[in-house]
All heavy atoms as atom14 arrays in JSON, in Angstrom:
{
  "sequence": "EQPRARLVAQVFAVLAALFAPVEAAFAAFLGVRAAANPCEPDGSGVC",
  "atom14_mask": [
    [1, 1, 1, 1, 1, 1, 1, 1, 1, 0, 0, 0, 0, 0],
    [1, 1, 1, 1, 1, 1, 1, 1, 1, 0, 0, 0, 0, 0],
    [1, 1, 1, 1, 1, 1, 1, 0, 0, 0, 0, 0, 0, 0],
    [1, 1, 1, 1, 1, 1, 1, 1, 1, 1, 1, 0, 0, 0],
    [1, 1, 1, 1, 1, 0, 0, 0, 0, 0, 0, 0, 0, 0],
    [1, 1, 1, 1, 1, 1, 1, 1, 1, 1, 1, 0, 0, 0],
    [1, 1, 1, 1, 1, 1, 1, 1, 0, 0, 0, 0, 0, 0],
    [1, 1, 1, 1, 1, 1, 1, 0, 0, 0, 0, 0, 0, 0],
    [1, 1, 1, 1, 1, 0, 0, 0, 0, 0, 0, 0, 0, 0],
    [1, 1, 1, 1, 1, 1, 1, 1, 1, 0, 0, 0, 0, 0],
    [1, 1, 1, 1, 1, 1, 1, 0, 0, 0, 0, 0, 0, 0],
    [1, 1, 1, 1, 1, 1, 1, 1, 1, 1, 1, 0, 0, 0],
    [1, 1, 1, 1, 1, 0, 0, 0, 0, 0, 0, 0, 0, 0],
    [1, 1, 1, 1, 1, 1, 1, 0, 0, 0, 0, 0, 0, 0],
    [1, 1, 1, 1, 1, 1, 1, 1, 0, 0, 0, 0, 0, 0],
    [1, 1, 1, 1, 1, 0, 0, 0, 0, 0, 0, 0, 0, 0],
    [1, 1, 1, 1, 1, 0, 0, 0, 0, 0, 0, 0, 0, 0],
    [1, 1, 1, 1, 1, 1, 1, 1, 0, 0, 0, 0, 0, 0],
    [1, 1, 1, 1, 1, 1, 1, 1, 1, 1, 1, 0, 0, 0],
    [1, 1, 1, 1, 1, 0, 0, 0, 0, 0, 0, 0, 0, 0],
    [1, 1, 1, 1, 1, 1, 1, 0, 0, 0, 0, 0, 0, 0],
    [1, 1, 1, 1, 1, 1, 1, 0, 0, 0, 0, 0, 0, 0],
    [1, 1, 1, 1, 1, 1, 1, 1, 1, 0, 0, 0, 0, 0],
    [1, 1, 1, 1, 1, 0, 0, 0, 0, 0, 0, 0, 0, 0],
    [1, 1, 1, 1, 1, 0, 0, 0, 0, 0, 0, 0, 0, 0],
    [1, 1, 1, 1, 1, 1, 1, 1, 1, 1, 1, 0, 0, 0],
    [1, 1, 1, 1, 1, 0, 0, 0, 0, 0, 0, 0, 0, 0],
    [1, 1, 1, 1, 1, 0, 0, 0, 0, 0, 0, 0, 0, 0],
    [1, 1, 1, 1, 1, 1, 1, 1, 1, 1, 1, 0, 0, 0],
    [1, 1, 1, 1, 1, 1, 1, 1, 0, 0, 0, 0, 0, 0],
    [1, 1, 1, 1, 0, 0, 0, 0, 0, 0, 0, 0, 0, 0],
    [1, 1, 1, 1, 1, 1, 1, 0, 0, 0, 0, 0, 0, 0],
    [1, 1, 1, 1, 1, 1, 1, 1, 1, 1, 1, 0, 0, 0],
    [1, 1, 1, 1, 1, 0, 0, 0, 0, 0, 0, 0, 0, 0],
    [1, 1, 1, 1, 1, 0, 0, 0, 0, 0, 0, 0, 0, 0],
    [1, 1, 1, 1, 1, 0, 0, 0, 0, 0, 0, 0, 0, 0],
    [1, 1, 1, 1, 1, 1, 1, 1, 0, 0, 0, 0, 0, 0],
    [1, 1, 1, 1, 1, 1, 1, 0, 0, 0, 0, 0, 0, 0],
    [1, 1, 1, 1, 1, 1, 0, 0, 0, 0, 0, 0, 0, 0],
    [1, 1, 1, 1, 1, 1, 1, 1, 1, 0, 0, 0, 0, 0],
    [1, 1, 1, 1, 1, 1, 1, 0, 0, 0, 0, 0, 0, 0],
    [1, 1, 1, 1, 1, 1, 1, 1, 0, 0, 0, 0, 0, 0],
    [1, 1, 1, 1, 0, 0, 0, 0, 0, 0, 0, 0, 0, 0],
    [1, 1, 1, 1, 1, 1, 0, 0, 0, 0, 0, 0, 0, 0],
    [1, 1, 1, 1, 0, 0, 0, 0, 0, 0, 0, 0, 0, 0],
    [1, 1, 1, 1, 1, 1, 1, 0, 0, 0, 0, 0, 0, 0],
    [1, 1, 1, 1, 1, 1, 0, 0, 0, 0, 0, 0, 0, 0]
  ],
  "atom14_positions": [
    [[-46.18, 22.06, -37.82], [-45.51, 21.95, -36.56], [-44.19, 21.23, -36.7], [-44.08, 20.22, -37.41], [-46.46, 21.14, -35.67], [-45.94, 20.96, -34.25], [-46.95, 20.2, -33.43], [-48.12, 20.64, -33.53], [-46.44, 19.3, -32.81], [0.0, 0.0, 0.0], [0.0, 0.0, 0.0], [0.0, 0.0, 0.0], [0.0, 0.0, 0.0], [0.0, 0.0, 0.0]],
    [[-43.23, 21.58, -36.06], [-41.9, 21.06, -36.07], [-41.72, 20.06, -34.96], [-42.3, 20.31, -33.83], [-40.77, 22.05, -36.04], [-40.73, 23.1, -37.16], [-39.65, 24.03, -37.09], [-38.96, 24.22, -36.07], [-39.58, 24.9, -38.14], [0.0, 0.0, 0.0], [0.0, 0.0, 0.0], [0.0, 0.0, 0.0], [0.0, 0.0, 0.0], [0.0, 0.0, 0.0]],
    [[-41.03, 18.97, -35.06], [-41.02, 17.88, -34.05], [-40.49, 18.33, -32.72], [-40.8, 17.96, -31.69], [-40.1, 16.77, -34.69], [-39.79, 17.24, -36.02], [-40.35, 18.62, -36.3], [0.0, 0.0, 0.0], [0.0, 0.0, 0.0], [0.0, 0.0, 0.0], [0.0, 0.0, 0.0], [0.0, 0.0, 0.0], [0.0, 0.0, 0.0], [0.0, 0.0, 0.0]],
    [[-39.5, 19.23, -32.74], [-38.79, 19.63, -31.44], [-39.57, 20.88, -30.74], [-39.27, 21.15, -29.56], [-37.49, 20.2, -31.81], [-36.49, 19.16, -32.57], [-35.84, 18.33, -31.44], [-35.07, 17.32, -32.12], [-34.21, 16.57, -31.45], [-34.15, 16.64, -30.16], [-33.5, 15.57, -32.02], [0.0, 0.0, 0.0], [0.0, 0.0, 0.0], [0.0, 0.0, 0.0]],
    [[-40.52, 21.45, -31.47], [-41.2, 22.6, -30.94], [-41.93, 22.18, -29.64], [-42.03, 22.9, -28.64], [-42.19, 23.17, -31.89], [0.0, 0.0, 0.0], [0.0, 0.0, 0.0], [0.0, 0.0, 0.0], [0.0, 0.0, 0.0], [0.0, 0.0, 0.0], [0.0, 0.0, 0.0], [0.0, 0.0, 0.0], [0.0, 0.0, 0.0], [0.0, 0.0, 0.0]],
    [[-42.58, 20.96, -29.55], [-43.31, 20.56, -28.4], [-42.34, 20.32, -27.22], [-42.63, 20.75, -26.12], [-44.16, 19.24, -28.71], [-45.02, 18.94, -27.59], [-45.97, 17.75, -27.89], [-46.73, 17.93, -29.18], [-47.77, 18.53, -29.32], [-48.3, 19.18, -28.28], [-48.37, 18.66, -30.43], [0.0, 0.0, 0.0], [0.0, 0.0, 0.0], [0.0, 0.0, 0.0]],
    [[-41.18, 19.83, -27.58], [-40.21, 19.67, -26.42], [-39.68, 20.89, -25.93], [-39.63, 21.12, -24.76], [-38.98, 18.81, -27.03], [-37.83, 18.55, -26.03], [-38.23, 17.75, -24.82], [-36.65, 17.96, -26.81], [0.0, 0.0, 0.0], [0.0, 0.0, 0.0], [0.0, 0.0, 0.0], [0.0, 0.0, 0.0], [0.0, 0.0, 0.0], [0.0, 0.0, 0.0]],
    [[-39.42, 21.9, -26.69], [-39.1, 23.19, -26.36], [-40.17, 23.93, -25.54], [-39.85, 24.52, -24.45], [-38.71, 24.12, -27.59], [-38.41, 25.53, -27.15], [-37.44, 23.54, -28.23], [0.0, 0.0, 0.0], [0.0, 0.0, 0.0], [0.0, 0.0, 0.0], [0.0, 0.0, 0.0], [0.0, 0.0, 0.0], [0.0, 0.0, 0.0], [0.0, 0.0, 0.0]],
    [[-41.37, 23.81, -25.92], [-42.47, 24.35, -25.21], [-42.56, 23.71, -23.77], [-42.82, 24.38, -22.88], [-43.75, 24.1, -25.96], [0.0, 0.0, 0.0], [0.0, 0.0, 0.0], [0.0, 0.0, 0.0], [0.0, 0.0, 0.0], [0.0, 0.0, 0.0], [0.0, 0.0, 0.0], [0.0, 0.0, 0.0], [0.0, 0.0, 0.0], [0.0, 0.0, 0.0]],
    [[-42.44, 22.4, -23.73], [-42.44, 21.63, -22.4], [-41.35, 22.1, -21.54], [-41.51, 22.32, -20.3], [-42.35, 20.05, -22.68], [-43.6, 19.64, -23.23], [-43.52, 18.13, -23.67], [-42.39, 17.66, -23.9], [-44.66, 17.48, -23.78], [0.0, 0.0, 0.0], [0.0, 0.0, 0.0], [0.0, 0.0, 0.0], [0.0, 0.0, 0.0], [0.0, 0.0, 0.0]],
    [[-40.15, 22.37, -22.1], [-39.03, 22.69, -21.29], [-39.2, 24.1, -20.58], [-39.04, 24.33, -19.47], [-37.73, 22.69, -22.03], [-36.62, 23.4, -21.38], [-37.33, 21.3, -22.42], [0.0, 0.0, 0.0], [0.0, 0.0, 0.0], [0.0, 0.0, 0.0], [0.0, 0.0, 0.0], [0.0, 0.0, 0.0], [0.0, 0.0, 0.0], [0.0, 0.0, 0.0]],
    [[-39.79, 25.04, -21.49], [-39.99, 26.38, -21.03], [-41.22, 26.36, -19.95], [-41.29, 27.14, -19.0], [-40.35, 27.35, -21.99], [-38.98, 27.89, -22.7], [-38.64, 27.6, -23.98], [-38.18, 28.79, -22.01], [-37.49, 28.02, -24.58], [-37.13, 29.28, -22.42], [-36.68, 28.91, -23.9], [0.0, 0.0, 0.0], [0.0, 0.0, 0.0], [0.0, 0.0, 0.0]],
    [[-42.19, 25.53, -20.25], [-43.35, 25.44, -19.2], [-42.85, 24.92, -17.91], [-43.25, 25.47, -16.81], [-44.47, 24.53, -19.79], [0.0, 0.0, 0.0], [0.0, 0.0, 0.0], [0.0, 0.0, 0.0], [0.0, 0.0, 0.0], [0.0, 0.0, 0.0], [0.0, 0.0, 0.0], [0.0, 0.0, 0.0], [0.0, 0.0, 0.0], [0.0, 0.0, 0.0]],
    [[-41.91, 23.81, -17.95], [-41.41, 23.36, -16.67], [-40.6, 24.44, -15.98], [-40.72, 24.57, -14.74], [-40.66, 22.02, -16.91], [-39.82, 21.65, -15.69], [-41.57, 20.91, -17.35], [0.0, 0.0, 0.0], [0.0, 0.0, 0.0], [0.0, 0.0, 0.0], [0.0, 0.0, 0.0], [0.0, 0.0, 0.0], [0.0, 0.0, 0.0], [0.0, 0.0, 0.0]],
    [[-39.77, 25.07, -16.67], [-38.97, 26.22, -16.08], [-39.82, 27.23, -15.55], [-39.52, 27.74, -14.29], [-37.99, 26.79, -17.17], [-36.78, 25.97, -17.51], [-36.03, 26.67, -18.66], [-35.85, 25.76, -16.31], [0.0, 0.0, 0.0], [0.0, 0.0, 0.0], [0.0, 0.0, 0.0], [0.0, 0.0, 0.0], [0.0, 0.0, 0.0], [0.0, 0.0, 0.0]],
    [[-40.9, 27.67, -16.2], [-41.73, 28.83, -15.66], [-42.41, 28.18, -14.38], [-42.62, 28.98, -13.46], [-42.75, 29.19, -16.78], [0.0, 0.0, 0.0], [0.0, 0.0, 0.0], [0.0, 0.0, 0.0], [0.0, 0.0, 0.0], [0.0, 0.0, 0.0], [0.0, 0.0, 0.0], [0.0, 0.0, 0.0], [0.0, 0.0, 0.0], [0.0, 0.0, 0.0]],
    [[-42.85, 26.92, -14.47], [-43.56, 26.4, -13.36], [-42.62, 26.2, -11.99], [-43.05, 26.38, -10.92], [-44.09, 25.0, -13.6], [0.0, 0.0, 0.0], [0.0, 0.0, 0.0], [0.0, 0.0, 0.0], [0.0, 0.0, 0.0], [0.0, 0.0, 0.0], [0.0, 0.0, 0.0], [0.0, 0.0, 0.0], [0.0, 0.0, 0.0], [0.0, 0.0, 0.0]],
    [[-41.38, 25.97, -12.26], [-40.41, 25.92, -11.19], [-40.1, 27.31, -10.57], [-39.8, 27.43, -9.41], [-39.14, 25.21, -11.67], [-39.23, 23.65, -11.92], [-37.9, 23.29, -12.46], [-39.69, 22.95, -10.66], [0.0, 0.0, 0.0], [0.0, 0.0, 0.0], [0.0, 0.0, 0.0], [0.0, 0.0, 0.0], [0.0, 0.0, 0.0], [0.0, 0.0, 0.0]],
    [[-39.9, 28.3, -11.54], [-39.53, 29.67, -11.09], [-40.68, 30.34, -10.48], [-40.42, 31.18, -9.6], [-38.95, 30.46, -12.15], [-37.57, 29.89, -12.69], [-37.17, 30.08, -14.05], [-36.7, 29.19, -11.83], [-36.05, 29.63, -14.4], [-35.53, 28.83, -12.32], [-35.1, 28.99, -13.57], [0.0, 0.0, 0.0], [0.0, 0.0, 0.0], [0.0, 0.0, 0.0]],
    [[-41.87, 30.14, -10.85], [-43.03, 30.88, -10.52], [-43.18, 31.05, -8.9], [-43.48, 32.12, -8.45], [-44.34, 30.43, -11.13], [0.0, 0.0, 0.0], [0.0, 0.0, 0.0], [0.0, 0.0, 0.0], [0.0, 0.0, 0.0], [0.0, 0.0, 0.0], [0.0, 0.0, 0.0], [0.0, 0.0, 0.0], [0.0, 0.0, 0.0], [0.0, 0.0, 0.0]],
    [[-43.23, 29.92, -8.18], [-43.45, 29.99, -6.73], [-42.37, 30.86, -6.04], [-42.61, 31.71, -5.06], [-43.33, 28.59, -6.2], [-43.67, 27.63, -7.44], [-43.11, 28.47, -8.54], [0.0, 0.0, 0.0], [0.0, 0.0, 0.0], [0.0, 0.0, 0.0], [0.0, 0.0, 0.0], [0.0, 0.0, 0.0], [0.0, 0.0, 0.0], [0.0, 0.0, 0.0]],
    [[-41.14, 30.8, -6.51], [-40.13, 31.64, -5.89], [-40.37, 33.12, -6.25], [-40.24, 34.02, -5.36], [-38.73, 31.16, -6.32], [-37.62, 32.04, -5.87], [-38.49, 29.74, -5.96], [0.0, 0.0, 0.0], [0.0, 0.0, 0.0], [0.0, 0.0, 0.0], [0.0, 0.0, 0.0], [0.0, 0.0, 0.0], [0.0, 0.0, 0.0], [0.0, 0.0, 0.0]],
    [[-40.62, 33.35, -7.52], [-40.88, 34.78, -7.98], [-42.13, 35.35, -7.19], [-42.12, 36.59, -6.74], [-41.07, 34.82, -9.48], [-39.76, 34.45, -10.19], [-40.14, 34.08, -11.61], [-41.23, 34.0, -12.07], [-39.18, 33.99, -12.43], [0.0, 0.0, 0.0], [0.0, 0.0, 0.0], [0.0, 0.0, 0.0], [0.0, 0.0, 0.0], [0.0, 0.0, 0.0]],
    [[-43.1, 34.55, -7.08], [-44.39, 35.01, -6.48], [-44.22, 35.26, -4.95], [-44.61, 36.31, -4.47], [-45.48, 33.96, -6.66], [0.0, 0.0, 0.0], [0.0, 0.0, 0.0], [0.0, 0.0, 0.0], [0.0, 0.0, 0.0], [0.0, 0.0, 0.0], [0.0, 0.0, 0.0], [0.0, 0.0, 0.0], [0.0, 0.0, 0.0], [0.0, 0.0, 0.0]],
    [[-43.35, 34.39, -4.29], [-43.08, 34.68, -2.93], [-42.31, 35.98, -2.71], [-42.49, 36.69, -1.75], [-42.27, 33.47, -2.31], [0.0, 0.0, 0.0], [0.0, 0.0, 0.0], [0.0, 0.0, 0.0], [0.0, 0.0, 0.0], [0.0, 0.0, 0.0], [0.0, 0.0, 0.0], [0.0, 0.0, 0.0], [0.0, 0.0, 0.0], [0.0, 0.0, 0.0]],
    [[-41.3, 36.12, -3.63], [-40.44, 37.38, -3.5], [-41.31, 38.67, -3.73], [-41.23, 39.64, -3.12], [-39.33, 37.31, -4.49], [-38.3, 38.37, -4.3], [-37.67, 38.56, -3.09], [-38.17, 39.29, -5.43], [-36.67, 39.6, -3.0], [-37.24, 40.34, -5.27], [-36.54, 40.48, -4.11], [0.0, 0.0, 0.0], [0.0, 0.0, 0.0], [0.0, 0.0, 0.0]],
    [[-42.22, 38.5, -4.69], [-43.14, 39.63, -5.05], [-44.13, 39.91, -3.89], [-44.32, 41.15, -3.59], [-43.93, 39.45, -6.28], [0.0, 0.0, 0.0], [0.0, 0.0, 0.0], [0.0, 0.0, 0.0], [0.0, 0.0, 0.0], [0.0, 0.0, 0.0], [0.0, 0.0, 0.0], [0.0, 0.0, 0.0], [0.0, 0.0, 0.0], [0.0, 0.0, 0.0]],
    [[-44.59, 38.86, -3.31], [-45.42, 39.03, -2.22], [-44.75, 39.69, -0.93], [-45.21, 40.55, -0.26], [-46.05, 37.68, -1.74], [0.0, 0.0, 0.0], [0.0, 0.0, 0.0], [0.0, 0.0, 0.0], [0.0, 0.0, 0.0], [0.0, 0.0, 0.0], [0.0, 0.0, 0.0], [0.0, 0.0, 0.0], [0.0, 0.0, 0.0], [0.0, 0.0, 0.0]],
    [[-43.55, 39.27, -0.72], [-42.68, 39.71, 0.32], [-42.44, 41.27, 0.11], [-42.68, 42.05, 0.96], [-41.26, 39.08, 0.52], [-40.41, 39.74, 1.43], [-40.59, 39.64, 2.73], [-39.29, 40.33, 0.94], [-39.69, 40.22, 3.62], [-38.43, 41.04, 1.76], [-38.67, 40.92, 3.14], [0.0, 0.0, 0.0], [0.0, 0.0, 0.0], [0.0, 0.0, 0.0]],
    [[-42.1, 41.68, -1.11], [-41.7, 43.01, -1.41], [-43.06, 43.89, -1.23], [-43.03, 44.88, -0.66], [-41.19, 43.26, -2.76], [-39.84, 42.68, -3.01], [-39.45, 42.89, -4.45], [-38.85, 43.45, -2.06], [0.0, 0.0, 0.0], [0.0, 0.0, 0.0], [0.0, 0.0, 0.0], [0.0, 0.0, 0.0], [0.0, 0.0, 0.0], [0.0, 0.0, 0.0]],
    [[-44.08, 43.35, -1.89], [-45.37, 44.09, -1.94], [-46.02, 44.17, -0.51], [-46.58, 45.34, -0.14], [0.0, 0.0, 0.0], [0.0, 0.0, 0.0], [0.0, 0.0, 0.0], [0.0, 0.0, 0.0], [0.0, 0.0, 0.0], [0.0, 0.0, 0.0], [0.0, 0.0, 0.0], [0.0, 0.0, 0.0], [0.0, 0.0, 0.0], [0.0, 0.0, 0.0]],
    [[-46.08, 43.1, 0.21], [-46.7, 43.17, 1.55], [-45.85, 44.11, 2.44], [-46.46, 44.93, 3.26], [-46.9, 41.77, 2.21], [-47.26, 41.86, 3.6], [-47.91, 41.0, 1.3], [0.0, 0.0, 0.0], [0.0, 0.0, 0.0], [0.0, 0.0, 0.0], [0.0, 0.0, 0.0], [0.0, 0.0, 0.0], [0.0, 0.0, 0.0], [0.0, 0.0, 0.0]],
    [[-44.69, 44.06, 2.36], [-43.76, 44.97, 3.14], [-44.05, 46.38, 2.89], [-44.06, 47.23, 3.65], [-42.34, 44.57, 3.09], [-41.35, 45.36, 3.8], [-39.93, 44.91, 3.63], [-39.03, 45.95, 4.04], [-38.21, 45.86, 5.0], [-38.07, 44.65, 5.66], [-37.43, 46.79, 5.55], [0.0, 0.0, 0.0], [0.0, 0.0, 0.0], [0.0, 0.0, 0.0]],
    [[-44.12, 46.61, 1.57], [-44.37, 47.97, 1.08], [-45.71, 48.46, 1.47], [-45.97, 49.65, 1.81], [-44.1, 48.25, -0.43], [0.0, 0.0, 0.0], [0.0, 0.0, 0.0], [0.0, 0.0, 0.0], [0.0, 0.0, 0.0], [0.0, 0.0, 0.0], [0.0, 0.0, 0.0], [0.0, 0.0, 0.0], [0.0, 0.0, 0.0], [0.0, 0.0, 0.0]],
    [[-46.65, 47.58, 1.34], [-48.06, 47.97, 1.61], [-48.37, 48.14, 3.14], [-49.27, 48.85, 3.49], [-49.07, 46.93, 1.09], [0.0, 0.0, 0.0], [0.0, 0.0, 0.0], [0.0, 0.0, 0.0], [0.0, 0.0, 0.0], [0.0, 0.0, 0.0], [0.0, 0.0, 0.0], [0.0, 0.0, 0.0], [0.0, 0.0, 0.0], [0.0, 0.0, 0.0]],
    [[-47.49, 47.55, 3.93], [-47.68, 47.63, 5.42], [-47.3, 48.99, 5.92], [-47.7, 49.38, 7.09], [-46.95, 46.56, 6.14], [0.0, 0.0, 0.0], [0.0, 0.0, 0.0], [0.0, 0.0, 0.0], [0.0, 0.0, 0.0], [0.0, 0.0, 0.0], [0.0, 0.0, 0.0], [0.0, 0.0, 0.0], [0.0, 0.0, 0.0], [0.0, 0.0, 0.0]],
    [[-46.62, 49.74, 5.17], [-46.15, 51.02, 5.58], [-47.07, 52.13, 5.01], [-47.69, 51.96, 3.98], [-44.71, 51.39, 5.08], [-43.7, 50.34, 5.74], [-43.72, 50.07, 6.8], [-42.76, 49.84, 4.76], [0.0, 0.0, 0.0], [0.0, 0.0, 0.0], [0.0, 0.0, 0.0], [0.0, 0.0, 0.0], [0.0, 0.0, 0.0], [0.0, 0.0, 0.0]],
    [[-47.16, 53.28, 5.77], [-48.1, 54.33, 5.24], [-47.4, 54.84, 3.92], [-46.23, 54.89, 3.65], [-47.96, 55.41, 6.33], [-47.28, 54.84, 7.42], [-46.55, 53.54, 7.11], [0.0, 0.0, 0.0], [0.0, 0.0, 0.0], [0.0, 0.0, 0.0], [0.0, 0.0, 0.0], [0.0, 0.0, 0.0], [0.0, 0.0, 0.0], [0.0, 0.0, 0.0]],
    [[-48.37, 55.37, 3.06], [-47.95, 55.92, 1.77], [-47.29, 57.29, 1.96], [-46.3, 57.56, 1.2], [-49.1, 56.21, 0.82], [-49.97, 54.65, 0.23], [0.0, 0.0, 0.0], [0.0, 0.0, 0.0], [0.0, 0.0, 0.0], [0.0, 0.0, 0.0], [0.0, 0.0, 0.0], [0.0, 0.0, 0.0], [0.0, 0.0, 0.0], [0.0, 0.0, 0.0]],
    [[-47.7, 58.1, 2.91], [-47.15, 59.33, 3.24], [-46.15, 59.18, 4.31], [-46.4, 58.4, 5.37], [-48.21, 60.33, 3.63], [-49.28, 60.61, 2.47], [-48.59, 61.11, 1.26], [-47.74, 61.97, 1.26], [-49.13, 60.63, 0.17], [0.0, 0.0, 0.0], [0.0, 0.0, 0.0], [0.0, 0.0, 0.0], [0.0, 0.0, 0.0], [0.0, 0.0, 0.0]],
    [[-45.05, 59.9, 4.36], [-44.08, 59.8, 5.42], [-44.59, 60.03, 6.83], [-44.23, 59.46, 7.84], [-42.98, 60.82, 5.05], [-43.08, 60.97, 3.58], [-44.57, 60.86, 3.3], [0.0, 0.0, 0.0], [0.0, 0.0, 0.0], [0.0, 0.0, 0.0], [0.0, 0.0, 0.0], [0.0, 0.0, 0.0], [0.0, 0.0, 0.0], [0.0, 0.0, 0.0]],
    [[-45.53, 60.98, 6.91], [-46.06, 61.3, 8.25], [-47.36, 60.79, 8.55], [-48.09, 61.0, 9.49], [-46.06, 62.9, 8.51], [-46.9, 63.47, 7.37], [-47.23, 62.85, 6.36], [-47.17, 64.75, 7.47], [0.0, 0.0, 0.0], [0.0, 0.0, 0.0], [0.0, 0.0, 0.0], [0.0, 0.0, 0.0], [0.0, 0.0, 0.0], [0.0, 0.0, 0.0]],
    [[-47.91, 59.88, 7.6], [-49.21, 59.28, 7.59], [-49.26, 58.1, 8.58], [-48.3, 57.69, 9.15], [0.0, 0.0, 0.0], [0.0, 0.0, 0.0], [0.0, 0.0, 0.0], [0.0, 0.0, 0.0], [0.0, 0.0, 0.0], [0.0, 0.0, 0.0], [0.0, 0.0, 0.0], [0.0, 0.0, 0.0], [0.0, 0.0, 0.0], [0.0, 0.0, 0.0]],
    [[-50.4, 57.55, 8.62], [-50.59, 56.32, 9.46], [-51.48, 55.38, 8.63], [-52.04, 55.72, 7.62], [-51.45, 56.62, 10.85], [-52.71, 57.12, 10.46], [0.0, 0.0, 0.0], [0.0, 0.0, 0.0], [0.0, 0.0, 0.0], [0.0, 0.0, 0.0], [0.0, 0.0, 0.0], [0.0, 0.0, 0.0], [0.0, 0.0, 0.0], [0.0, 0.0, 0.0]],
    [[-51.53, 54.03, 9.1], [-52.2, 53.13, 8.35], [-51.36, 52.43, 7.32], [-50.18, 52.2, 7.48], [0.0, 0.0, 0.0], [0.0, 0.0, 0.0], [0.0, 0.0, 0.0], [0.0, 0.0, 0.0], [0.0, 0.0, 0.0], [0.0, 0.0, 0.0], [0.0, 0.0, 0.0], [0.0, 0.0, 0.0], [0.0, 0.0, 0.0], [0.0, 0.0, 0.0]],
    [[-52.0, 51.88, 6.25], [-51.37, 51.03, 5.22], [-51.34, 51.85, 3.91], [-52.19, 52.78, 3.68], [-51.91, 49.72, 5.16], [-51.78, 48.91, 6.36], [-53.4, 49.74, 4.69], [0.0, 0.0, 0.0], [0.0, 0.0, 0.0], [0.0, 0.0, 0.0], [0.0, 0.0, 0.0], [0.0, 0.0, 0.0], [0.0, 0.0, 0.0], [0.0, 0.0, 0.0]],
    [[-50.59, 51.39, 2.94], [-50.64, 51.92, 1.6], [-51.38, 50.89, 0.71], [-50.71, 50.08, 0.18], [-49.25, 52.14, 1.15], [-48.98, 52.94, -0.36], [0.0, 0.0, 0.0], [0.0, 0.0, 0.0], [0.0, 0.0, 0.0], [0.0, 0.0, 0.0], [0.0, 0.0, 0.0], [0.0, 0.0, 0.0], [0.0, 0.0, 0.0], [0.0, 0.0, 0.0]]
  ]
}
């Protein structure tokens, strides 16, 4: 194990933890918006 490897792993873990809520919110917004519309253009209900 290299001494700086743990620091690098911690930095990436913090970055991922900071970005994840924003990415998840954006994915949920896109997905819910797309799922709320019918799959077929002339259909009804949700996709």
